[in-house]
């Protein structure tokens, strides 16, 4: 289907902040919760993004206004926002997502070190409003998703997830920190020309969470069979996981695998459902 482009209201919003903007192409993900267009204008390139969910709009704005302004300039800049449209206008960064590049292992490892360093800086930011119990959040998530998984997963698979999550009860968790929550090579841009930099994009999922949440996708995909990338990442991060963190991570991964299967079935994403099932099976071995 041909992308109809941004609405007249969205283009009017962009025109307030850019000179003669025109849409080039859509960059929205399949099943995505936002519409994204690359713009060209006399003021320079930019991205126009409209969120379908209010919470995603608020999370992205908060990340740019409260967190990213305190970090090195390796993310887009928030040029403007419109709460009524749930839209943001972002500066464009030149580059290609790392997941699309075929690099030698040395260059890959260098980018993973940069990714680890950025994430450590993000996690180190003060987060005074993070008062919700992290353990309670995880248990509540299990309660919300487990009923939807019945009939999709076996009794043994459900029990595996249930036991690991409930084993977290009573543990002392560190406070929540600013998290990206979709931290992976598809959201890391490598600049053209081999510059020793890495840009980080897409903060619509960002919110205070347990720091381990930002590692789940990496452990389930990119680090499988690539211990060199995991080692490089933690070198940049500045420390490895503790034994307690590894114990907690096992529970978080099990729950995430369950939610992956459920979400994929509800969105008719056959490949993603197969990935979730294989992930859960790998955890159970």
C-alpha atoms as a PDB file:
ATOM      1  CA  UNK A   1       0.000   0.000   0.000  1.00  0.00           C
ATOM      2  CA  UNK A   2       1.279   3.467  -0.904  1.00  0.00           C
ATOM      3  CA  UNK A   3       2.046   5.655   2.091  1.00  0.00           C
ATOM      4  CA  UNK A   4      -0.346   8.651   1.995  1.00  0.00           C
ATOM      5  CA  UNK A   5       2.187  10.791   3.807  1.00  0.00           C
ATOM      6  CA  UNK A   6       1.616  13.035   6.807  1.00  0.00           C
ATOM      7  CA  UNK A   7      -1.737  14.727   7.253  1.00  0.00           C
ATOM      8  CA  UNK A   8      -2.275  18.402   6.493  1.00  0.00           C
ATOM      9  CA  UNK A   9      -2.278  19.152  10.224  1.00  0.00           C
ATOM     10  CA  UNK A  10       1.085  17.439  10.691  1.00  0.00           C
ATOM     11  CA  UNK A  11       2.610  19.303   7.756  1.00  0.00           C
ATOM     12  CA  UNK A  12       1.274  22.579   9.148  1.00  0.00           C
ATOM     13  CA  UNK A  13       2.996  21.738  12.437  1.00  0.00           C
ATOM     14  CA  UNK A  14       6.264  21.068  10.609  1.00  0.00           C
ATOM     15  CA  UNK A  15       5.983  24.315   8.619  1.00  0.00           C
ATOM     16  CA  UNK A  16       5.946  26.343  11.816  1.00  0.00           C
ATOM     17  CA  UNK A  17       9.462  25.111  12.612  1.00  0.00           C
ATOM     18  CA  UNK A  18      10.975  24.282   9.205  1.00  0.00           C
ATOM     19  CA  UNK A  19      11.132  26.223   5.970  1.00  0.00           C
ATOM     20  CA  UNK A  20       9.240  24.519   3.129  1.00  0.00           C
ATOM     21  CA  UNK A  21       9.302  20.945   4.510  1.00  0.00           C
ATOM     22  CA  UNK A  22       8.379  18.062   2.226  1.00  0.00           C
ATOM     23  CA  UNK A  23       8.089  14.367   3.098  1.00  0.00           C
ATOM     24  CA  UNK A  24      10.548  12.000   1.437  1.00  0.00           C
ATOM     25  CA  UNK A  25       9.591   8.578   2.767  1.00  0.00           C
ATOM     26  CA  UNK A  26       8.011   6.722   5.660  1.00  0.00           C
ATOM     27  CA  UNK A  27      10.248   5.074   8.261  1.00  0.00           C
ATOM     28  CA  UNK A  28       7.517   3.435  10.339  1.00  0.00           C
ATOM     29  CA  UNK A  29       8.022  -0.125  11.573  1.00  0.00           C
ATOM     30  CA  UNK A  30       5.537  -2.818  10.676  1.00  0.00           C
ATOM     31  CA  UNK A  31       3.141  -3.138  13.646  1.00  0.00           C
ATOM     32  CA  UNK A  32       4.663   0.108  14.941  1.00  0.00           C
ATOM     33  CA  UNK A  33       2.845   2.381  17.358  1.00  0.00           C
ATOM     34  CA  UNK A  34       3.878   5.556  15.545  1.00  0.00           C
ATOM     35  CA  UNK A  35       4.036   7.110  12.098  1.00  0.00           C
ATOM     36  CA  UNK A  36       7.474   8.408  11.075  1.00  0.00           C
ATOM     37  CA  UNK A  37       8.432  10.449   8.014  1.00  0.00           C
ATOM     38  CA  UNK A  38      11.762  11.716   6.844  1.00  0.00           C
ATOM     39  CA  UNK A  39      11.502  15.364   5.790  1.00  0.00           C
ATOM     40  CA  UNK A  40      13.624  17.596   3.610  1.00  0.00           C
ATOM     41  CA  UNK A  41      13.440  21.357   4.009  1.00  0.00           C
ATOM     42  CA  UNK A  42      15.358  24.552   3.393  1.00  0.00           C
ATOM     43  CA  UNK A  43      16.144  24.445   7.119  1.00  0.00           C
ATOM     44  CA  UNK A  44      17.743  21.009   6.815  1.00  0.00           C
ATOM     45  CA  UNK A  45      16.618  17.375   7.183  1.00  0.00           C
ATOM     46  CA  UNK A  46      14.339  16.315  10.016  1.00  0.00           C
ATOM     47  CA  UNK A  47      12.001  13.545  11.133  1.00  0.00           C
ATOM     48  CA  UNK A  48       8.303  14.005  11.841  1.00  0.00           C
ATOM     49  CA  UNK A  49       6.781  11.460  14.202  1.00  0.00           C
ATOM     50  CA  UNK A  50       3.173  11.050  15.308  1.00  0.00           C
ATOM     51  CA  UNK A  51       2.388   8.707  18.184  1.00  0.00           C
ATOM     52  CA  UNK A  52      -0.837   6.740  18.228  1.00  0.00           C
ATOM     53  CA  UNK A  53      -0.592   6.247  21.994  1.00  0.00           C
ATOM     54  CA  UNK A  54      -0.475   9.190  24.372  1.00  0.00           C
ATOM     55  CA  UNK A  55       1.919   7.416  26.708  1.00  0.00           C
ATOM     56  CA  UNK A  56       4.493   6.933  23.926  1.00  0.00           C
ATOM     57  CA  UNK A  57       4.365  10.641  23.078  1.00  0.00           C
ATOM     58  CA  UNK A  58       4.842  11.588  26.723  1.00  0.00           C
ATOM     59  CA  UNK A  59       7.672   9.093  27.210  1.00  0.00           C
ATOM     60  CA  UNK A  60       9.581  10.356  24.180  1.00  0.00           C
ATOM     61  CA  UNK A  61       9.170  14.009  25.179  1.00  0.00           C
ATOM     62  CA  UNK A  62      10.256  13.290  28.727  1.00  0.00           C
ATOM     63  CA  UNK A  63      13.369  11.485  27.527  1.00  0.00           C
ATOM     64  CA  UNK A  64      14.439  14.428  25.376  1.00  0.00           C
ATOM     65  CA  UNK A  65      13.503  17.169  27.825  1.00  0.00           C
ATOM     66  CA  UNK A  66      14.663  15.625  31.104  1.00  0.00           C
ATOM     67  CA  UNK A  67      17.325  13.037  30.297  1.00  0.00           C
ATOM     68  CA  UNK A  68      19.056  13.376  26.947  1.00  0.00           C
ATOM     69  CA  UNK A  69      19.862  17.041  27.447  1.00  0.00           C
ATOM     70  CA  UNK A  70      22.249  15.906  30.207  1.00  0.00           C
ATOM     71  CA  UNK A  71      24.144  13.421  28.012  1.00  0.00           C
ATOM     72  CA  UNK A  72      26.713  13.743  25.202  1.00  0.00           C
ATOM     73  CA  UNK A  73      25.082  14.864  21.911  1.00  0.00           C
ATOM     74  CA  UNK A  74      24.775  11.448  20.265  1.00  0.00           C
ATOM     75  CA  UNK A  75      20.965  11.508  19.962  1.00  0.00           C
ATOM     76  CA  UNK A  76      18.580  13.590  17.840  1.00  0.00           C
ATOM     77  CA  UNK A  77      17.446  16.972  19.153  1.00  0.00           C
ATOM     78  CA  UNK A  78      13.814  17.659  19.940  1.00  0.00           C
ATOM     79  CA  UNK A  79      12.985  20.582  17.638  1.00  0.00           C
ATOM     80  CA  UNK A  80       9.310  20.889  18.525  1.00  0.00           C
ATOM     81  CA  UNK A  81       6.330  18.998  19.949  1.00  0.00           C
ATOM     82  CA  UNK A  82       2.564  19.270  19.640  1.00  0.00           C
ATOM     83  CA  UNK A  83       0.576  17.611  22.444  1.00  0.00           C
ATOM     84  CA  UNK A  84      -2.722  17.885  20.552  1.00  0.00           C
ATOM     85  CA  UNK A  85      -1.320  15.987  17.565  1.00  0.00           C
ATOM     86  CA  UNK A  86       0.897  13.784  19.755  1.00  0.00           C
ATOM     87  CA  UNK A  87       3.669  14.676  17.327  1.00  0.00           C
ATOM     88  CA  UNK A  88       7.349  15.511  17.631  1.00  0.00           C
ATOM     89  CA  UNK A  89       9.814  17.029  15.200  1.00  0.00           C
ATOM     90  CA  UNK A  90      13.357  15.682  15.549  1.00  0.00           C
ATOM     91  CA  UNK A  91      16.684  16.604  14.024  1.00  0.00           C
ATOM     92  CA  UNK A  92      18.062  14.064  11.546  1.00  0.00           C
ATOM     93  CA  UNK A  93      21.316  12.237  12.170  1.00  0.00           C
ATOM     94  CA  UNK A  94      23.244  10.785   9.224  1.00  0.00           C
ATOM     95  CA  UNK A  95      23.861   7.079   9.401  1.00  0.00           C
ATOM     96  CA  UNK A  96      22.661   3.526   8.872  1.00  0.00           C
ATOM     97  CA  UNK A  97      21.325   1.198  11.602  1.00  0.00           C
ATOM     98  CA  UNK A  98      24.099  -1.087  12.783  1.00  0.00           C
ATOM     99  CA  UNK A  99      21.913  -4.156  12.207  1.00  0.00           C
ATOM    100  CA  UNK A 100      21.962  -3.483   8.437  1.00  0.00           C
ATOM    101  CA  UNK A 101      25.746  -3.321   8.140  1.00  0.00           C
ATOM    102  CA  UNK A 102      28.180  -6.155   7.487  1.00  0.00           C
ATOM    103  CA  UNK A 103      31.242  -5.126   9.481  1.00  0.00           C
ATOM    104  CA  UNK A 104      34.333  -6.997  10.559  1.00  0.00           C
ATOM    105  CA  UNK A 105      34.305  -8.176  14.164  1.00  0.00           C
ATOM    106  CA  UNK A 106      36.694  -5.454  15.318  1.00  0.00           C
ATOM    107  CA  UNK A 107      34.464  -2.630  14.097  1.00  0.00           C
ATOM    108  CA  UNK A 108      31.368  -4.360  15.459  1.00  0.00           C
ATOM    109  CA  UNK A 109      32.982  -4.673  18.871  1.00  0.00           C
ATOM    110  CA  UNK A 110      33.972  -0.993  18.825  1.00  0.00           C
ATOM    111  CA  UNK A 111      30.350   0.021  18.225  1.00  0.00           C
ATOM    112  CA  UNK A 112      29.142  -2.283  20.991  1.00  0.00           C
ATOM    113  CA  UNK A 113      31.601  -0.625  23.372  1.00  0.00           C
ATOM    114  CA  UNK A 114      30.155   2.763  22.394  1.00  0.00           C
ATOM    115  CA  UNK A 115      26.636   1.434  22.923  1.00  0.00           C
ATOM    116  CA  UNK A 116      27.588   0.174  26.372  1.00  0.00           C
ATOM    117  CA  UNK A 117      29.137   3.509  27.330  1.00  0.00           C
ATOM    118  CA  UNK A 118      26.024   5.461  26.302  1.00  0.00           C
ATOM    119  CA  UNK A 119      23.720   3.122  28.205  1.00  0.00           C
ATOM    120  CA  UNK A 120      25.813   3.387  31.378  1.00  0.00           C
ATOM    121  CA  UNK A 121      25.583   7.193  31.142  1.00  0.00           C
ATOM    122  CA  UNK A 122      21.804   7.011  30.670  1.00  0.00           C
ATOM    123  CA  UNK A 123      21.380   4.632  33.598  1.00  0.00           C
ATOM    124  CA  UNK A 124      23.509   6.890  35.817  1.00  0.00           C
ATOM    125  CA  UNK A 125      21.152   9.876  35.473  1.00  0.00           C
ATOM    126  CA  UNK A 126      19.104  10.839  38.538  1.00  0.00           C
ATOM    127  CA  UNK A 127      15.540   9.588  38.415  1.00  0.00           C
ATOM    128  CA  UNK A 128      13.709  11.150  41.385  1.00  0.00           C
ATOM    129  CA  UNK A 129      10.207  10.154  40.254  1.00  0.00           C
ATOM    130  CA  UNK A 130      11.022   6.441  40.056  1.00  0.00           C
ATOM    131  CA  UNK A 131       9.188   5.322  43.188  1.00  0.00           C
ATOM    132  CA  UNK A 132       7.262   2.247  42.028  1.00  0.00           C
ATOM    133  CA  UNK A 133       8.574  -1.071  43.317  1.00  0.00           C
ATOM    134  CA  UNK A 134      10.471  -2.764  40.500  1.00  0.00           C
ATOM    135  CA  UNK A 135       9.587  -6.198  41.832  1.00  0.00           C
ATOM    136  CA  UNK A 136       5.913  -5.233  41.953  1.00  0.00           C
ATOM    137  CA  UNK A 137       6.081  -4.068  38.334  1.00  0.00           C
ATOM    138  CA  UNK A 138       7.407  -7.438  37.179  1.00  0.00           C
ATOM    139  CA  UNK A 139       4.834  -9.422  39.160  1.00  0.00           C
ATOM    140  CA  UNK A 140       2.022  -7.214  37.855  1.00  0.00           C
ATOM    141  CA  UNK A 141       3.222  -7.771  34.313  1.00  0.00           C
ATOM    142  CA  UNK A 142       3.112 -11.533  34.817  1.00  0.00           C
ATOM    143  CA  UNK A 143      -0.444 -11.286  36.142  1.00  0.00           C
ATOM    144  CA  UNK A 144      -1.481  -9.201  33.125  1.00  0.00           C
ATOM    145  CA  UNK A 145       0.070 -11.434  30.461  1.00  0.00           C
ATOM    146  CA  UNK A 146      -0.226 -14.968  31.845  1.00  0.00           C
ATOM    147  CA  UNK A 147      -3.980 -15.327  31.184  1.00  0.00           C
ATOM    148  CA  UNK A 148      -3.423 -14.298  27.552  1.00  0.00           C
ATOM    149  CA  UNK A 149      -0.736 -16.989  27.200  1.00  0.00           C
ATOM    150  CA  UNK A 150      -3.014 -19.851  28.238  1.00  0.00           C
ATOM    151  CA  UNK A 151      -3.765 -21.956  25.216  1.00  0.00           C
ATOM    152  CA  UNK A 152      -0.654 -20.679  23.447  1.00  0.00           C
ATOM    153  CA  UNK A 153       1.955 -22.168  25.774  1.00  0.00           C
ATOM    154  CA  UNK A 154       1.975 -25.530  27.521  1.00  0.00           C
ATOM    155  CA  UNK A 155       1.342 -25.905  31.237  1.00  0.00           C
ATOM    156  CA  UNK A 156       5.032 -26.728  31.707  1.00  0.00           C
ATOM    157  CA  UNK A 157       6.114 -23.583  29.858  1.00  0.00           C
ATOM    158  CA  UNK A 158       3.754 -21.387  31.873  1.00  0.00           C
ATOM    159  CA  UNK A 159       4.963 -22.942  35.121  1.00  0.00           C
ATOM    160  CA  UNK A 160       8.583 -22.327  34.098  1.00  0.00           C
ATOM    161  CA  UNK A 161       7.906 -18.619  33.648  1.00  0.00           C
ATOM    162  CA  UNK A 162       5.712 -18.383  36.736  1.00  0.00           C
ATOM    163  CA  UNK A 163       8.306 -19.951  39.044  1.00  0.00           C
ATOM    164  CA  UNK A 164      11.142 -17.759  37.833  1.00  0.00           C
ATOM    165  CA  UNK A 165       9.185 -14.551  38.186  1.00  0.00           C
ATOM    166  CA  UNK A 166       7.776 -15.409  41.599  1.00  0.00           C
ATOM    167  CA  UNK A 167      11.265 -16.292  42.815  1.00  0.00           C
ATOM    168  CA  UNK A 168      11.963 -12.554  42.648  1.00  0.00           C
ATOM    169  CA  UNK A 169       9.575 -11.837  45.522  1.00  0.00           C
ATOM    170  CA  UNK A 170      11.453 -10.627  48.578  1.00  0.00           C
ATOM    171  CA  UNK A 171      14.652  -9.734  46.736  1.00  0.00           C
ATOM    172  CA  UNK A 172      16.202  -6.320  47.248  1.00  0.00           C
ATOM    173  CA  UNK A 173      16.130  -4.510  43.917  1.00  0.00           C
ATOM    174  CA  UNK A 174      18.076  -1.369  43.057  1.00  0.00           C
ATOM    175  CA  UNK A 175      15.904   1.658  42.219  1.00  0.00           C
ATOM    176  CA  UNK A 176      14.577   2.156  38.720  1.00  0.00           C
ATOM    177  CA  UNK A 177      16.722   4.200  36.332  1.00  0.00           C
ATOM    178  CA  UNK A 178      16.094   5.939  32.989  1.00  0.00           C
ATOM    179  CA  UNK A 179      15.829   3.144  30.405  1.00  0.00           C
ATOM    180  CA  UNK A 180      15.586   3.165  26.604  1.00  0.00           C
ATOM    181  CA  UNK A 181      13.598  -0.119  26.509  1.00  0.00           C
ATOM    182  CA  UNK A 182      14.280  -0.883  22.845  1.00  0.00           C
ATOM    183  CA  UNK A 183      18.053  -0.768  23.023  1.00  0.00           C
ATOM    184  CA  UNK A 184      19.394  -2.704  20.071  1.00  0.00           C
ATOM    185  CA  UNK A 185      21.373  -2.300  16.820  1.00  0.00           C
ATOM    186  CA  UNK A 186      18.274  -1.261  14.902  1.00  0.00           C
ATOM    187  CA  UNK A 187      18.286   1.918  16.986  1.00  0.00           C
ATOM    188  CA  UNK A 188      22.044   2.550  16.782  1.00  0.00           C
ATOM    189  CA  UNK A 189      23.100   4.560  13.745  1.00  0.00           C
ATOM    190  CA  UNK A 190      26.607   4.277  12.326  1.00  0.00           C
ATOM    191  CA  UNK A 191      27.696   7.555  10.656  1.00  0.00           C
ATOM    192  CA  UNK A 192      28.912   7.446   7.050  1.00  0.00           C
ATOM    193  CA  UNK A 193      32.608   7.362   6.302  1.00  0.00           C
ATOM    194  CA  UNK A 194      33.621   5.128   9.175  1.00  0.00           C
ATOM    195  CA  UNK A 195      33.541   7.864  11.832  1.00  0.00           C
ATOM    196  CA  UNK A 196      34.247   6.450  15.328  1.00  0.00           C
ATOM    197  CA  UNK A 197      30.807   7.423  16.639  1.00  0.00           C
ATOM    198  CA  UNK A 198      27.423   5.866  17.288  1.00  0.00           C
ATOM    199  CA  UNK A 199      24.076   7.664  17.335  1.00  0.00           C
ATOM    200  CA  UNK A 200      21.144   6.412  19.440  1.00  0.00           C
ATOM    201  CA  UNK A 201      17.536   6.967  18.320  1.00  0.00           C
ATOM    202  CA  UNK A 202      13.899   6.099  19.126  1.00  0.00           C
ATOM    203  CA  UNK A 203      12.972   6.971  22.707  1.00  0.00           C
ATOM    204  CA  UNK A 204       9.214   6.385  22.566  1.00  0.00           C
ATOM    205  CA  UNK A 205       9.509   3.413  24.945  1.00  0.00           C
ATOM    206  CA  UNK A 206      11.817   5.192  27.407  1.00  0.00           C
ATOM    207  CA  UNK A 207      10.754   5.263  31.046  1.00  0.00           C
ATOM    208  CA  UNK A 208      12.147   4.444  34.505  1.00  0.00           C
ATOM    209  CA  UNK A 209      12.709   0.701  34.857  1.00  0.00           C
ATOM    210  CA  UNK A 210      15.183  -1.801  36.230  1.00  0.00           C
ATOM    211  CA  UNK A 211      18.427  -1.282  34.286  1.00  0.00           C
ATOM    212  CA  UNK A 212      18.412  -4.945  33.243  1.00  0.00           C
ATOM    213  CA  UNK A 213      15.415  -4.292  30.990  1.00  0.00           C
ATOM    214  CA  UNK A 214      17.739  -2.611  28.498  1.00  0.00           C
ATOM    215  CA  UNK A 215      19.780  -5.802  28.127  1.00  0.00           C
ATOM    216  CA  UNK A 216      17.005  -8.308  27.436  1.00  0.00           C
ATOM    217  CA  UNK A 217      16.784  -7.811  23.676  1.00  0.00           C
ATOM    218  CA  UNK A 218      20.568  -7.958  23.321  1.00  0.00           C
ATOM    219  CA  UNK A 219      20.796 -11.216  25.283  1.00  0.00           C
ATOM    220  CA  UNK A 220      17.979 -12.807  23.305  1.00  0.00           C
ATOM    221  CA  UNK A 221      19.278 -11.876  19.860  1.00  0.00           C
ATOM    222  CA  UNK A 222      22.576 -10.129  19.225  1.00  0.00           C
ATOM    223  CA  UNK A 223      24.664 -11.866  21.884  1.00  0.00           C
ATOM    224  CA  UNK A 224      23.505 -15.408  21.072  1.00  0.00           C
ATOM    225  CA  UNK A 225      26.637 -17.083  19.728  1.00  0.00           C
ATOM    226  CA  UNK A 226      28.565 -13.786  19.931  1.00  0.00           C
ATOM    227  CA  UNK A 227      30.269 -13.597  23.349  1.00  0.00           C
ATOM    228  CA  UNK A 228      32.735 -11.117  21.836  1.00  0.00           C
ATOM    229  CA  UNK A 229      29.957  -8.554  21.359  1.00  0.00           C
ATOM    230  CA  UNK A 230      28.661  -9.099  24.882  1.00  0.00           C
ATOM    231  CA  UNK A 231      32.168  -8.642  26.301  1.00  0.00           C
ATOM    232  CA  UNK A 232      32.709  -5.470  24.253  1.00  0.00           C
ATOM    233  CA  UNK A 233      29.382  -4.034  25.403  1.00  0.00           C
ATOM    234  CA  UNK A 234      30.134  -4.575  29.083  1.00  0.00           C
ATOM    235  CA  UNK A 235      33.611  -3.164  28.595  1.00  0.00           C
ATOM    236  CA  UNK A 236      31.928   0.042  27.454  1.00  0.00           C
ATOM    237  CA  UNK A 237      29.324  -0.214  30.207  1.00  0.00           C
ATOM    238  CA  UNK A 238      32.100  -0.307  32.760  1.00  0.00           C
ATOM    239  CA  UNK A 239      31.098  -3.413  34.687  1.00  0.00           C
ATOM    240  CA  UNK A 240      29.661  -6.897  34.279  1.00  0.00           C
ATOM    241  CA  UNK A 241      26.457  -8.214  35.827  1.00  0.00           C
ATOM    242  CA  UNK A 242      26.487  -9.471  39.400  1.00  0.00           C
ATOM    243  CA  UNK A 243      25.287 -12.969  40.297  1.00  0.00           C
ATOM    244  CA  UNK A 244      22.051 -11.466  41.638  1.00  0.00           C
ATOM    245  CA  UNK A 245      21.510  -9.530  38.418  1.00  0.00           C
ATOM    246  CA  UNK A 246      22.015 -12.677  36.358  1.00  0.00           C
ATOM    247  CA  UNK A 247      19.421 -14.465  38.515  1.00  0.00           C
ATOM    248  CA  UNK A 248      16.954 -11.636  37.998  1.00  0.00           C
ATOM    249  CA  UNK A 249      17.726 -11.529  34.278  1.00  0.00           C
ATOM    250  CA  UNK A 250      16.684 -15.175  33.895  1.00  0.00           C
ATOM    251  CA  UNK A 251      13.230 -14.267  35.207  1.00  0.00           C
ATOM    252  CA  UNK A 252      12.931 -11.152  33.068  1.00  0.00           C
ATOM    253  CA  UNK A 253      13.914 -13.067  29.941  1.00  0.00           C
ATOM    254  CA  UNK A 254      11.396 -15.822  30.645  1.00  0.00           C
ATOM    255  CA  UNK A 255       8.618 -13.276  31.064  1.00  0.00           C
ATOM    256  CA  UNK A 256       9.674 -11.396  27.945  1.00  0.00           C
ATOM    257  CA  UNK A 257       9.676 -14.601  25.912  1.00  0.00           C
ATOM    258  CA  UNK A 258       6.116 -15.283  27.081  1.00  0.00           C
ATOM    259  CA  UNK A 259       4.928 -11.791  26.169  1.00  0.00           C
ATOM    260  CA  UNK A 260       6.654 -12.095  22.793  1.00  0.00           C
ATOM    261  CA  UNK A 261       4.646 -15.209  21.917  1.00  0.00           C
ATOM    262  CA  UNK A 262       1.388 -13.592  23.028  1.00  0.00           C
ATOM    263  CA  UNK A 263       1.982 -10.269  21.274  1.00  0.00           C
ATOM    264  CA  UNK A 264       3.081 -11.977  18.077  1.00  0.00           C
ATOM    265  CA  UNK A 265      -0.004 -14.213  17.987  1.00  0.00           C
ATOM    266  CA  UNK A 266      -2.297 -11.239  18.622  1.00  0.00           C
ATOM    267  CA  UNK A 267      -0.626  -9.340  15.755  1.00  0.00           C
ATOM    268  CA  UNK A 268      -0.441 -12.345  13.398  1.00  0.00           C
ATOM    269  CA  UNK A 269       3.349 -12.125  13.273  1.00  0.00           C
ATOM    270  CA  UNK A 270       4.305 -15.731  12.603  1.00  0.00           C
ATOM    271  CA  UNK A 271       8.068 -15.175  12.475  1.00  0.00           C
ATOM    272  CA  UNK A 272       8.128 -13.225  15.742  1.00  0.00           C
ATOM    273  CA  UNK A 273       6.027 -15.873  17.463  1.00  0.00           C
ATOM    274  CA  UNK A 274       8.482 -18.552  16.331  1.00  0.00           C
ATOM    275  CA  UNK A 275      11.323 -16.454  17.701  1.00  0.00           C
ATOM    276  CA  UNK A 276       9.571 -16.145  21.076  1.00  0.00           C
ATOM    277  CA  UNK A 277       8.956 -19.887  21.270  1.00  0.00           C
ATOM    278  CA  UNK A 278      12.566 -20.704  20.381  1.00  0.00           C
ATOM    279  CA  UNK A 279      13.758 -18.188  22.971  1.00  0.00           C
ATOM    280  CA  UNK A 280      11.625 -19.752  25.696  1.00  0.00           C
ATOM    281  CA  UNK A 281      12.789 -23.237  24.736  1.00  0.00           C
ATOM    282  CA  UNK A 282      16.426 -22.115  24.887  1.00  0.00           C
ATOM    283  CA  UNK A 283      15.870 -20.701  28.388  1.00  0.00           C
ATOM    284  CA  UNK A 284      14.331 -23.980  29.580  1.00  0.00           C
ATOM    285  CA  UNK A 285      17.297 -26.127  28.559  1.00  0.00           C
END
